[in-house]
C-alpha atoms as a PDB file:
ATOM      1  CA  UNK A   1     110.175  95.314 116.090  1.00  0.00           C
ATOM      2  CA  UNK A   2     109.907  93.568 112.840  1.00  0.00           C
ATOM      3  CA  UNK A   3     114.253  92.779 112.446  1.00  0.00           C
ATOM      4  CA  UNK A   4     113.183  90.942 109.171  1.00  0.00           C
ATOM      5  CA  UNK A   5     110.594  88.924 107.507  1.00  0.00           C
ATOM      6  CA  UNK A   6     110.947  85.616 106.555  1.00  0.00           C
ATOM      7  CA  UNK A   7     108.254  84.294 103.518  1.00  0.00           C
ATOM      8  CA  UNK A   8     106.710  80.974 104.323  1.00  0.00           C
ATOM      9  CA  UNK A   9     104.385  78.601 102.285  1.00  0.00           C
ATOM     10  CA  UNK A  10     102.510  77.819 104.682  1.00  0.00           C
ATOM     11  CA  UNK A  11     101.615  79.258 108.349  1.00  0.00           C
ATOM     12  CA  UNK A  12     100.272  76.848 111.313  1.00  0.00           C
ATOM     13  CA  UNK A  13      98.987  78.885 114.535  1.00  0.00           C
ATOM     14  CA  UNK A  14      98.588  77.033 117.367  1.00  0.00           C
ATOM     15  CA  UNK A  15      95.809  77.830 120.040  1.00  0.00           C
ATOM     16  CA  UNK A  16      96.148  76.340 123.557  1.00  0.00           C
ATOM     17  CA  UNK A  17      93.964  76.397 126.572  1.00  0.00           C
ATOM     18  CA  UNK A  18      95.817  73.796 128.851  1.00  0.00           C
ATOM     19  CA  UNK A  19      98.509  70.714 128.974  1.00  0.00           C
ATOM     20  CA  UNK A  20      97.056  69.209 125.986  1.00  0.00           C
ATOM     21  CA  UNK A  21      96.858  71.520 122.973  1.00  0.00           C
ATOM     22  CA  UNK A  22      93.738  72.275 121.608  1.00  0.00           C
ATOM     23  CA  UNK A  23      94.569  72.713 117.769  1.00  0.00           C
ATOM     24  CA  UNK A  24      93.705  74.385 114.829  1.00  0.00           C
ATOM     25  CA  UNK A  25      95.450  74.718 111.664  1.00  0.00           C
ATOM     26  CA  UNK A  26      95.346  77.701 108.826  1.00  0.00           C
ATOM     27  CA  UNK A  27      97.487  77.663 105.974  1.00  0.00           C
ATOM     28  CA  UNK A  28      98.287  80.338 103.338  1.00  0.00           C
ATOM     29  CA  UNK A  29     100.234  78.539 100.052  1.00  0.00           C
ATOM     30  CA  UNK A  30     100.875  78.998  96.668  1.00  0.00           C
ATOM     31  CA  UNK A  31      98.092  77.134  95.555  1.00  0.00           C
ATOM     32  CA  UNK A  32      95.712  79.692  96.625  1.00  0.00           C
ATOM     33  CA  UNK A  33      94.615  78.911 100.339  1.00  0.00           C
ATOM     34  CA  UNK A  34      94.688  82.434 102.242  1.00  0.00           C
ATOM     35  CA  UNK A  35      94.488  81.648 106.156  1.00  0.00           C
ATOM     36  CA  UNK A  36      92.119  78.826 105.100  1.00  0.00           C
ATOM     37  CA  UNK A  37      91.270  76.335 108.275  1.00  0.00           C
ATOM     38  CA  UNK A  38      92.518  73.207 107.887  1.00  0.00           C
ATOM     39  CA  UNK A  39      90.541  70.224 109.287  1.00  0.00           C
ATOM     40  CA  UNK A  40      92.968  68.139 111.861  1.00  0.00           C
ATOM     41  CA  UNK A  41      91.186  65.147 110.936  1.00  0.00           C
ATOM     42  CA  UNK A  42      92.477  65.275 107.332  1.00  0.00           C
ATOM     43  CA  UNK A  43      95.984  65.478 108.527  1.00  0.00           C
ATOM     44  CA  UNK A  44      98.469  62.683 108.439  1.00  0.00           C
ATOM     45  CA  UNK A  45      99.307  60.418 111.497  1.00  0.00           C
ATOM     46  CA  UNK A  46     102.058  57.906 112.822  1.00  0.00           C
ATOM     47  CA  UNK A  47     105.719  58.642 111.678  1.00  0.00           C
ATOM     48  CA  UNK A  48     104.613  61.205 108.945  1.00  0.00           C
ATOM     49  CA  UNK A  49     102.784  63.906 111.997  1.00  0.00           C
ATOM     50  CA  UNK A  50     104.772  66.759 113.033  1.00  0.00           C
ATOM     51  CA  UNK A  51     105.195  67.878 116.445  1.00  0.00           C
ATOM     52  CA  UNK A  52     106.066  71.984 117.397  1.00  0.00           C
ATOM     53  CA  UNK A  53     106.936  72.626 120.790  1.00  0.00           C
ATOM     54  CA  UNK A  54     106.537  75.800 121.978  1.00  0.00           C
ATOM     55  CA  UNK A  55     109.007  77.750 124.698  1.00  0.00           C
ATOM     56  CA  UNK A  56     106.562  80.380 126.185  1.00  0.00           C
ATOM     57  CA  UNK A  57     109.692  81.622 128.633  1.00  0.00           C
ATOM     58  CA  UNK A  58     111.662  82.402 125.662  1.00  0.00           C
ATOM     59  CA  UNK A  59     110.575  85.674 123.581  1.00  0.00           C
ATOM     60  CA  UNK A  60     112.128  87.849 120.638  1.00  0.00           C
ATOM     61  CA  UNK A  61     110.542  90.637 118.564  1.00  0.00           C
ATOM     62  CA  UNK A  62     107.240  92.345 119.562  1.00  0.00           C
ATOM     63  CA  UNK A  63     105.058  92.749 116.661  1.00  0.00           C
ATOM     64  CA  UNK A  64     103.902  96.450 116.107  1.00  0.00           C
ATOM     65  CA  UNK A  65     101.447  95.578 113.781  1.00  0.00           C
ATOM     66  CA  UNK A  66     100.533  94.513 110.240  1.00  0.00           C
ATOM     67  CA  UNK A  67      98.366  96.636 107.560  1.00  0.00           C
ATOM     68  CA  UNK A  68      98.460  98.929 104.230  1.00  0.00           C
ATOM     69  CA  UNK A  69      98.594 101.999 103.421  1.00  0.00           C
ATOM     70  CA  UNK A  70      95.834 105.005 102.656  1.00  0.00           C
ATOM     71  CA  UNK A  71      96.870 106.870 100.192  1.00  0.00           C
ATOM     72  CA  UNK A  72      94.739 109.522  97.618  1.00  0.00           C
ATOM     73  CA  UNK A  73      95.162 107.214  94.424  1.00  0.00           C
ATOM     74  CA  UNK A  74      93.322 104.204  96.652  1.00  0.00           C
ATOM     75  CA  UNK A  75      91.057 106.536  98.374  1.00  0.00           C
ATOM     76  CA  UNK A  76      90.119 107.535  94.679  1.00  0.00           C
ATOM     77  CA  UNK A  77      89.733 104.282  93.263  1.00  0.00           C
ATOM     78  CA  UNK A  78      87.721 103.582  96.688  1.00  0.00           C
ATOM     79  CA  UNK A  79      85.467 106.148  95.833  1.00  0.00           C
ATOM     80  CA  UNK A  80      84.419 104.485  92.289  1.00  0.00           C
ATOM     81  CA  UNK A  81      82.562 101.692  93.986  1.00  0.00           C
ATOM     82  CA  UNK A  82      79.210 102.013  95.137  1.00  0.00           C
ATOM     83  CA  UNK A  83      78.712 102.610  99.023  1.00  0.00           C
ATOM     84  CA  UNK A  84      78.012  99.000  99.404  1.00  0.00           C
ATOM     85  CA  UNK A  85      80.745  97.894  98.064  1.00  0.00           C
ATOM     86  CA  UNK A  86      83.036 100.485  99.647  1.00  0.00           C
ATOM     87  CA  UNK A  87      81.771  99.003 103.124  1.00  0.00           C
ATOM     88  CA  UNK A  88      82.409  95.828 102.170  1.00  0.00           C
ATOM     89  CA  UNK A  89      86.025  96.420 100.923  1.00  0.00           C
ATOM     90  CA  UNK A  90      86.451  98.602 104.322  1.00  0.00           C
ATOM     91  CA  UNK A  91      84.710  95.503 106.780  1.00  0.00           C
ATOM     92  CA  UNK A  92      86.902  93.087 104.739  1.00  0.00           C
ATOM     93  CA  UNK A  93      90.199  95.162 105.747  1.00  0.00           C
ATOM     94  CA  UNK A  94      89.742  96.508 108.900  1.00  0.00           C
ATOM     95  CA  UNK A  95      86.728  94.883 110.816  1.00  0.00           C
ATOM     96  CA  UNK A  96      87.876  91.623 113.535  1.00  0.00           C
ATOM     97  CA  UNK A  97      86.267  89.510 111.041  1.00  0.00           C
ATOM     98  CA  UNK A  98      88.385  90.326 108.107  1.00  0.00           C
ATOM     99  CA  UNK A  99      92.053  91.087 108.134  1.00  0.00           C
ATOM    100  CA  UNK A 100      91.640  93.433 111.240  1.00  0.00           C
ATOM    101  CA  UNK A 101      94.811  95.721 109.958  1.00  0.00           C
ATOM    102  CA  UNK A 102      96.726  97.146 112.877  1.00  0.00           C
ATOM    103  CA  UNK A 103      99.367  99.170 111.201  1.00  0.00           C
ATOM    104  CA  UNK A 104      98.806 101.625 108.381  1.00  0.00           C
ATOM    105  CA  UNK A 105     100.593 104.554 106.881  1.00  0.00           C
ATOM    106  CA  UNK A 106      99.674 108.170 104.808  1.00  0.00           C
ATOM    107  CA  UNK A 107     101.746 110.860 103.176  1.00  0.00           C
ATOM    108  CA  UNK A 108     101.394 114.044 104.177  1.00  0.00           C
ATOM    109  CA  UNK A 109     100.669 116.525 101.237  1.00  0.00           C
ATOM    110  CA  UNK A 110     100.924 114.469  97.672  1.00  0.00           C
ATOM    111  CA  UNK A 111     102.830 111.438  96.814  1.00  0.00           C
ATOM    112  CA  UNK A 112     104.003 109.197  94.149  1.00  0.00           C
ATOM    113  CA  UNK A 113     100.066 107.727  95.246  1.00  0.00           C
ATOM    114  CA  UNK A 114      98.194 111.200  94.518  1.00  0.00           C
ATOM    115  CA  UNK A 115      96.366 112.478  91.775  1.00  0.00           C
ATOM    116  CA  UNK A 116      98.443 115.868  91.637  1.00  0.00           C
ATOM    117  CA  UNK A 117     101.295 117.661  93.256  1.00  0.00           C
ATOM    118  CA  UNK A 118      99.958 119.635  96.522  1.00  0.00           C
ATOM    119  CA  UNK A 119     101.512 120.944  99.728  1.00  0.00           C
ATOM    120  CA  UNK A 120      99.611 121.372 103.187  1.00  0.00           C
ATOM    121  CA  UNK A 121     101.476 125.185 103.092  1.00  0.00           C
ATOM    122  CA  UNK A 122     101.142 126.619  99.339  1.00  0.00           C
ATOM    123  CA  UNK A 123     101.947 130.157 100.106  1.00  0.00           C
ATOM    124  CA  UNK A 124     105.338 130.449  99.277  1.00  0.00           C
ATOM    125  CA  UNK A 125     107.195 132.468 102.304  1.00  0.00           C
ATOM    126  CA  UNK A 126     104.461 131.635 104.763  1.00  0.00           C
ATOM    127  CA  UNK A 127     106.855 131.361 107.473  1.00  0.00           C
ATOM    128  CA  UNK A 128     103.988 131.654 110.199  1.00  0.00           C
ATOM    129  CA  UNK A 129     102.425 129.115 108.540  1.00  0.00           C
ATOM    130  CA  UNK A 130      99.172 130.868 108.512  1.00  0.00           C
ATOM    131  CA  UNK A 131      97.475 129.396 105.174  1.00  0.00           C
ATOM    132  CA  UNK A 132      98.217 125.740 106.263  1.00  0.00           C
ATOM    133  CA  UNK A 133      95.847 123.805 105.032  1.00  0.00           C
ATOM    134  CA  UNK A 134      94.698 119.993 105.111  1.00  0.00           C
ATOM    135  CA  UNK A 135      91.933 120.857 102.363  1.00  0.00           C
ATOM    136  CA  UNK A 136      93.196 118.569  99.424  1.00  0.00           C
ATOM    137  CA  UNK A 137      92.814 116.032 101.545  1.00  0.00           C
ATOM    138  CA  UNK A 138      89.248 115.912 102.043  1.00  0.00           C
ATOM    139  CA  UNK A 139      88.306 115.184  98.751  1.00  0.00           C
ATOM    140  CA  UNK A 140      89.491 111.587  98.706  1.00  0.00           C
ATOM    141  CA  UNK A 141      91.763 110.688 101.451  1.00  0.00           C
ATOM    142  CA  UNK A 142      90.184 111.515 105.394  1.00  0.00           C
ATOM    143  CA  UNK A 143      86.725 109.983 104.118  1.00  0.00           C
ATOM    144  CA  UNK A 144      88.866 106.581 103.303  1.00  0.00           C
ATOM    145  CA  UNK A 145      90.553 106.949 106.508  1.00  0.00           C
ATOM    146  CA  UNK A 146      87.270 107.893 108.155  1.00  0.00           C
ATOM    147  CA  UNK A 147      85.182 104.857 106.375  1.00  0.00           C
ATOM    148  CA  UNK A 148      88.264 102.778 108.223  1.00  0.00           C
ATOM    149  CA  UNK A 149      88.018 104.152 112.188  1.00  0.00           C
ATOM    150  CA  UNK A 150      83.949 103.734 111.779  1.00  0.00           C
ATOM    151  CA  UNK A 151      84.004 100.377 111.129  1.00  0.00           C
ATOM    152  CA  UNK A 152      83.144  98.344 114.175  1.00  0.00           C
ATOM    153  CA  UNK A 153      86.262  96.977 115.782  1.00  0.00           C
ATOM    154  CA  UNK A 154      88.542  98.706 113.946  1.00  0.00           C
ATOM    155  CA  UNK A 155      91.901  99.341 115.783  1.00  0.00           C
ATOM    156  CA  UNK A 156      94.908 100.706 113.404  1.00  0.00           C
ATOM    157  CA  UNK A 157      97.963 103.019 114.004  1.00  0.00           C
ATOM    158  CA  UNK A 158      99.024 105.412 111.512  1.00  0.00           C
ATOM    159  CA  UNK A 159     102.343 106.401 110.542  1.00  0.00           C
ATOM    160  CA  UNK A 160     102.414 109.609 108.576  1.00  0.00           C
ATOM    161  CA  UNK A 161     105.238 110.464 105.925  1.00  0.00           C
ATOM    162  CA  UNK A 162     106.315 113.603 104.133  1.00  0.00           C
ATOM    163  CA  UNK A 163     107.625 112.813 100.581  1.00  0.00           C
ATOM    164  CA  UNK A 164     108.675 116.707 100.470  1.00  0.00           C
ATOM    165  CA  UNK A 165     108.521 119.918 101.570  1.00  0.00           C
ATOM    166  CA  UNK A 166     106.572 122.697  99.895  1.00  0.00           C
ATOM    167  CA  UNK A 167     108.804 123.644  97.142  1.00  0.00           C
ATOM    168  CA  UNK A 168     109.467 127.252  98.716  1.00  0.00           C
ATOM    169  CA  UNK A 169     111.108 125.592 101.619  1.00  0.00           C
ATOM    170  CA  UNK A 170     113.502 123.533  99.322  1.00  0.00           C
ATOM    171  CA  UNK A 171     117.223 124.718  97.429  1.00  0.00           C
ATOM    172  CA  UNK A 172     115.768 123.628  93.691  1.00  0.00           C
ATOM    173  CA  UNK A 173     112.155 125.066  94.613  1.00  0.00           C
ATOM    174  CA  UNK A 174     110.594 122.134  92.860  1.00  0.00           C
ATOM    175  CA  UNK A 175     108.908 118.757  93.497  1.00  0.00           C
ATOM    176  CA  UNK A 176     111.487 116.246  92.801  1.00  0.00           C
ATOM    177  CA  UNK A 177     114.677 116.327  94.340  1.00  0.00           C
ATOM    178  CA  UNK A 178     116.726 119.238  96.451  1.00  0.00           C
ATOM    179  CA  UNK A 179     117.575 119.576  99.792  1.00  0.00           C
ATOM    180  CA  UNK A 180     115.472 121.861 102.608  1.00  0.00           C
ATOM    181  CA  UNK A 181     116.940 125.257 103.021  1.00  0.00           C
ATOM    182  CA  UNK A 182     119.020 125.850 106.122  1.00  0.00           C
ATOM    183  CA  UNK A 183     116.781 128.901 107.121  1.00  0.00           C
ATOM    184  CA  UNK A 184     113.907 126.668 106.809  1.00  0.00           C
ATOM    185  CA  UNK A 185     114.204 123.354 109.204  1.00  0.00           C
ATOM    186  CA  UNK A 186     112.319 125.220 111.619  1.00  0.00           C
ATOM    187  CA  UNK A 187     109.198 126.110 109.105  1.00  0.00           C
ATOM    188  CA  UNK A 188     109.561 122.322 107.986  1.00  0.00           C
ATOM    189  CA  UNK A 189     109.708 121.360 111.556  1.00  0.00           C
ATOM    190  CA  UNK A 190     106.392 123.558 112.837  1.00  0.00           C
ATOM    191  CA  UNK A 191     104.973 122.096 109.211  1.00  0.00           C
ATOM    192  CA  UNK A 192     105.274 118.355 110.479  1.00  0.00           C
ATOM    193  CA  UNK A 193     103.510 119.454 113.893  1.00  0.00           C
ATOM    194  CA  UNK A 194     100.331 121.221 112.192  1.00  0.00           C
ATOM    195  CA  UNK A 195      99.866 118.790 110.198  1.00  0.00           C
ATOM    196  CA  UNK A 196      99.245 115.952 113.567  1.00  0.00           C
ATOM    197  CA  UNK A 197      97.612 119.063 115.193  1.00  0.00           C
ATOM    198  CA  UNK A 198      95.234 119.178 111.968  1.00  0.00           C
ATOM    199  CA  UNK A 199      94.603 115.395 111.622  1.00  0.00           C
ATOM    200  CA  UNK A 200      93.898 115.351 115.451  1.00  0.00           C
ATOM    201  CA  UNK A 201      91.440 117.807 115.475  1.00  0.00           C
ATOM    202  CA  UNK A 202      89.581 115.203 112.687  1.00  0.00           C
ATOM    203  CA  UNK A 203      89.517 112.701 115.067  1.00  0.00           C
ATOM    204  CA  UNK A 204      92.521 110.595 113.549  1.00  0.00           C
ATOM    205  CA  UNK A 205      95.430 110.198 115.541  1.00  0.00           C
ATOM    206  CA  UNK A 206      99.017 109.828 114.055  1.00  0.00           C
ATOM    207  CA  UNK A 207     100.898 107.609 115.963  1.00  0.00           C
ATOM    208  CA  UNK A 208     103.916 108.023 114.319  1.00  0.00           C
ATOM    209  CA  UNK A 209     106.261 109.981 111.782  1.00  0.00           C
ATOM    210  CA  UNK A 210     109.392 109.723 109.548  1.00  0.00           C
ATOM    211  CA  UNK A 211     110.913 113.430 108.911  1.00  0.00           C
ATOM    212  CA  UNK A 212     110.760 112.385 105.337  1.00  0.00           C
ATOM    213  CA  UNK A 213     110.353 109.443 102.724  1.00  0.00           C
ATOM    214  CA  UNK A 214     113.245 108.263 100.845  1.00  0.00           C
ATOM    215  CA  UNK A 215     115.970 111.235 101.871  1.00  0.00           C
ATOM    216  CA  UNK A 216     118.602 109.211  99.591  1.00  0.00           C
ATOM    217  CA  UNK A 217     115.867 110.118  96.673  1.00  0.00           C
ATOM    218  CA  UNK A 218     114.409 108.269  94.444  1.00  0.00           C
ATOM    219  CA  UNK A 219     116.063 109.508  90.985  1.00  0.00           C
ATOM    220  CA  UNK A 220     114.011 112.872  90.951  1.00  0.00           C
ATOM    221  CA  UNK A 221     111.109 110.550  89.750  1.00  0.00           C
ATOM    222  CA  UNK A 222     108.693 111.830  92.045  1.00  0.00           C
ATOM    223  CA  UNK A 223     108.254 113.869  95.267  1.00  0.00           C
ATOM    224  CA  UNK A 224     111.357 113.524  97.104  1.00  0.00           C
ATOM    225  CA  UNK A 225     113.637 115.844  99.776  1.00  0.00           C
ATOM    226  CA  UNK A 226     117.287 114.837 100.241  1.00  0.00           C
ATOM    227  CA  UNK A 227     119.005 114.501 103.489  1.00  0.00           C
ATOM    228  CA  UNK A 228     122.615 112.969 104.478  1.00  0.00           C
ATOM    229  CA  UNK A 229     122.337 111.543 108.254  1.00  0.00           C
ATOM    230  CA  UNK A 230     124.186 113.910 109.287  1.00  0.00           C
ATOM    231  CA  UNK A 231     121.643 116.890 108.224  1.00  0.00           C
ATOM    232  CA  UNK A 232     118.973 114.670 109.429  1.00  0.00           C
ATOM    233  CA  UNK A 233     120.214 114.151 112.725  1.00  0.00           C
ATOM    234  CA  UNK A 234     120.659 118.084 113.310  1.00  0.00           C
ATOM    235  CA  UNK A 235     117.294 118.217 111.691  1.00  0.00           C
ATOM    236  CA  UNK A 236     115.859 116.024 114.420  1.00  0.00           C
ATOM    237  CA  UNK A 237     117.911 116.993 117.524  1.00  0.00           C
ATOM    238  CA  UNK A 238     117.244 121.094 116.872  1.00  0.00           C
ATOM    239  CA  UNK A 239     114.127 121.230 115.272  1.00  0.00           C
ATOM    240  CA  UNK A 240     111.655 118.148 115.089  1.00  0.00           C
ATOM    241  CA  UNK A 241     111.928 116.495 118.073  1.00  0.00           C
ATOM    242  CA  UNK A 242     111.801 119.673 120.225  1.00  0.00           C
ATOM    243  CA  UNK A 243     109.118 121.036 117.802  1.00  0.00           C
ATOM    244  CA  UNK A 244     107.164 118.045 118.913  1.00  0.00           C
ATOM    245  CA  UNK A 245     107.834 118.274 122.762  1.00  0.00           C
ATOM    246  CA  UNK A 246     106.909 121.750 122.935  1.00  0.00           C
ATOM    247  CA  UNK A 247     103.119 121.182 121.278  1.00  0.00           C
ATOM    248  CA  UNK A 248     102.751 118.109 124.050  1.00  0.00           C
ATOM    249  CA  UNK A 249     102.728 115.507 120.762  1.00  0.00           C
ATOM    250  CA  UNK A 250     104.124 111.801 121.976  1.00  0.00           C
ATOM    251  CA  UNK A 251     103.884 110.692 117.935  1.00  0.00           C
ATOM    252  CA  UNK A 252     106.804 108.856 117.458  1.00  0.00           C
ATOM    253  CA  UNK A 253     109.896 109.818 114.948  1.00  0.00           C
ATOM    254  CA  UNK A 254     111.846 106.271 112.785  1.00  0.00           C
ATOM    255  CA  UNK A 255     114.691 107.654 110.944  1.00  0.00           C
ATOM    256  CA  UNK A 256     115.932 106.869 107.406  1.00  0.00           C
ATOM    257  CA  UNK A 257     112.611 105.409 105.672  1.00  0.00           C
ATOM    258  CA  UNK A 258     114.413 103.922 102.556  1.00  0.00           C
ATOM    259  CA  UNK A 259     115.811 100.566 101.721  1.00  0.00           C
ATOM    260  CA  UNK A 260     117.121  97.965 104.849  1.00  0.00           C
ATOM    261  CA  UNK A 261     120.807  98.289 102.959  1.00  0.00           C
ATOM    262  CA  UNK A 262     123.863  99.298 104.130  1.00  0.00           C
ATOM    263  CA  UNK A 263     123.443 102.800 103.993  1.00  0.00           C
ATOM    264  CA  UNK A 264     120.964 102.731 107.236  1.00  0.00           C
ATOM    265  CA  UNK A 265     124.188 101.558 109.354  1.00  0.00           C
ATOM    266  CA  UNK A 266     125.992 104.755 108.741  1.00  0.00           C
ATOM    267  CA  UNK A 267     122.660 106.217 109.552  1.00  0.00           C
ATOM    268  CA  UNK A 268     122.209 104.858 112.404  1.00  0.00           C
ATOM    269  CA  UNK A 269     125.813 105.251 113.955  1.00  0.00           C
ATOM    270  CA  UNK A 270     124.987 109.350 113.163  1.00  0.00           C
ATOM    271  CA  UNK A 271     121.879 109.368 114.750  1.00  0.00           C
ATOM    272  CA  UNK A 272     121.121 106.661 117.139  1.00  0.00           C
ATOM    273  CA  UNK A 273     124.927 107.517 118.280  1.00  0.00           C
ATOM    274  CA  UNK A 274     124.081 111.385 118.900  1.00  0.00           C
ATOM    275  CA  UNK A 275     122.586 111.305 122.331  1.00  0.00           C
ATOM    276  CA  UNK A 276     120.692 114.822 121.771  1.00  0.00           C
ATOM    277  CA  UNK A 277     118.663 113.377 118.273  1.00  0.00           C
ATOM    278  CA  UNK A 278     118.473 109.684 119.346  1.00  0.00           C
ATOM    279  CA  UNK A 279     116.577 110.823 122.739  1.00  0.00           C
ATOM    280  CA  UNK A 280     113.915 112.156 120.201  1.00  0.00           C
ATOM    281  CA  UNK A 281     113.639 108.566 118.258  1.00  0.00           C
ATOM    282  CA  UNK A 282     111.437 105.658 118.391  1.00  0.00           C
ATOM    283  CA  UNK A 283     114.110 103.683 115.734  1.00  0.00           C
ATOM    284  CA  UNK A 284     114.534 102.954 112.120  1.00  0.00           C
ATOM    285  CA  UNK A 285     112.256 102.556 109.445  1.00  0.00           C
ATOM    286  CA  UNK A 286     113.011 100.204 106.564  1.00  0.00           C
ATOM    287  CA  UNK A 287     111.696  99.839 102.697  1.00  0.00           C
ATOM    288  CA  UNK A 288     111.500  96.150 101.104  1.00  0.00           C
ATOM    289  CA  UNK A 289     112.561  96.852  97.408  1.00  0.00           C
ATOM    290  CA  UNK A 290     116.331  95.962  96.609  1.00  0.00           C
ATOM    291  CA  UNK A 291     115.262  91.998  96.561  1.00  0.00           C
ATOM    292  CA  UNK A 292     112.647  89.407  97.716  1.00  0.00           C
ATOM    293  CA  UNK A 293     115.577  87.344  98.632  1.00  0.00           C
ATOM    294  CA  UNK A 294     117.868  88.467 100.138  1.00  0.00           C
ATOM    295  CA  UNK A 295     116.128  90.128 103.301  1.00  0.00           C
ATOM    296  CA  UNK A 296     119.234  92.291 104.497  1.00  0.00           C
ATOM    297  CA  UNK A 297     119.238  90.474 107.423  1.00  0.00           C
ATOM    298  CA  UNK A 298     123.246  90.885 107.897  1.00  0.00           C
ATOM    299  CA  UNK A 299     122.761  94.096 108.152  1.00  0.00           C
ATOM    300  CA  UNK A 300     119.699  94.500 110.587  1.00  0.00           C
ATOM    301  CA  UNK A 301     121.096  92.500 112.695  1.00  0.00           C
ATOM    302  CA  UNK A 302     124.223  94.658 112.913  1.00  0.00           C
ATOM    303  CA  UNK A 303     122.005  96.995 113.763  1.00  0.00           C
ATOM    304  CA  UNK A 304     119.683  95.514 116.327  1.00  0.00           C
ATOM    305  CA  UNK A 305     122.696  94.064 118.031  1.00  0.00           C
ATOM    306  CA  UNK A 306     124.851  97.247 118.195  1.00  0.00           C
ATOM    307  CA  UNK A 307     121.626  99.609 119.417  1.00  0.00           C
ATOM    308  CA  UNK A 308     119.444  97.444 120.980  1.00  0.00           C
ATOM    309  CA  UNK A 309     116.869 100.098 122.212  1.00  0.00           C
ATOM    310  CA  UNK A 310     116.263 101.027 118.974  1.00  0.00           C
ATOM    311  CA  UNK A 311     113.325  99.326 117.299  1.00  0.00           C
ATOM    312  CA  UNK A 312     113.171  98.592 113.449  1.00  0.00           C
ATOM    313  CA  UNK A 313     109.624  98.832 111.532  1.00  0.00           C
ATOM    314  CA  UNK A 314     108.902  97.743 108.227  1.00  0.00           C
ATOM    315  CA  UNK A 315     107.224 101.260 106.577  1.00  0.00           C
ATOM    316  CA  UNK A 316     106.972 100.617 102.972  1.00  0.00           C
ATOM    317  CA  UNK A 317     106.792  97.772 100.833  1.00  0.00           C
ATOM    318  CA  UNK A 318     104.566  96.964  97.069  1.00  0.00           C
ATOM    319  CA  UNK A 319     105.394  94.683  94.065  1.00  0.00           C
ATOM    320  CA  UNK A 320     106.437  96.690  91.702  1.00  0.00           C
END
């Protein structure tokens, strides 16, 4: 559960083994340190020293994980490296000796970090999804994820999101913008279930999903599918939630998947406030774009106070 993030110029970690603290200091700084171990002997003593007291009887947030994303574009760039360099990169990210990334995200079909537009159901009006396929992922994306899985000690969860449904399911019959046709609510739910099942057959479990990335849209600059909170409530309550349950899948559902602004409070009231929809939902996914100064703390605090049983997940953010 990550209500909001705090940016620090340095990080101090304490490891305790008895009443007298055994202390190690690791620092990340603007000067270039990246979790660099700092010698305790070099630290100031006397009046200038600092004491940190930890009350272990009080707990607050639960950290689900820290990580990054698997995208077709990054997988393509990785494929351009030598095998030795690829192995070094993946070990640096996923090994216990490296960053040991524990939470990742990937896209269901294409997204703005893909090489081209592609769906997993390419044949129009394929209501039974007989032609469903993740074949486009096999060139770059699947090999990258499997390479990460193969790193000794790797242990990470995957959150998956569609940027859009196949265009033939949409009101505008194209990749960017538009809404899901009412007659295809069940079709799109089955599409997401099919994706989870197909990835599981590849040995890749999908820990969680968002029904769609950025349902408020992105000015139709790339793949998108518009929902308002009432439409998303109905989609989850009557289609996606039951479809996952009927398939025996335990992938968690995270709603909204857009910026941490006031809109998310309306989404919470409509979906968390609906008993039927809320029963299928784990929490709220938020993005980290509108400001690096204002963390949206007031709105996030309102959210967690009003719906303490729902979690908040930072699902996307980058410097753009």
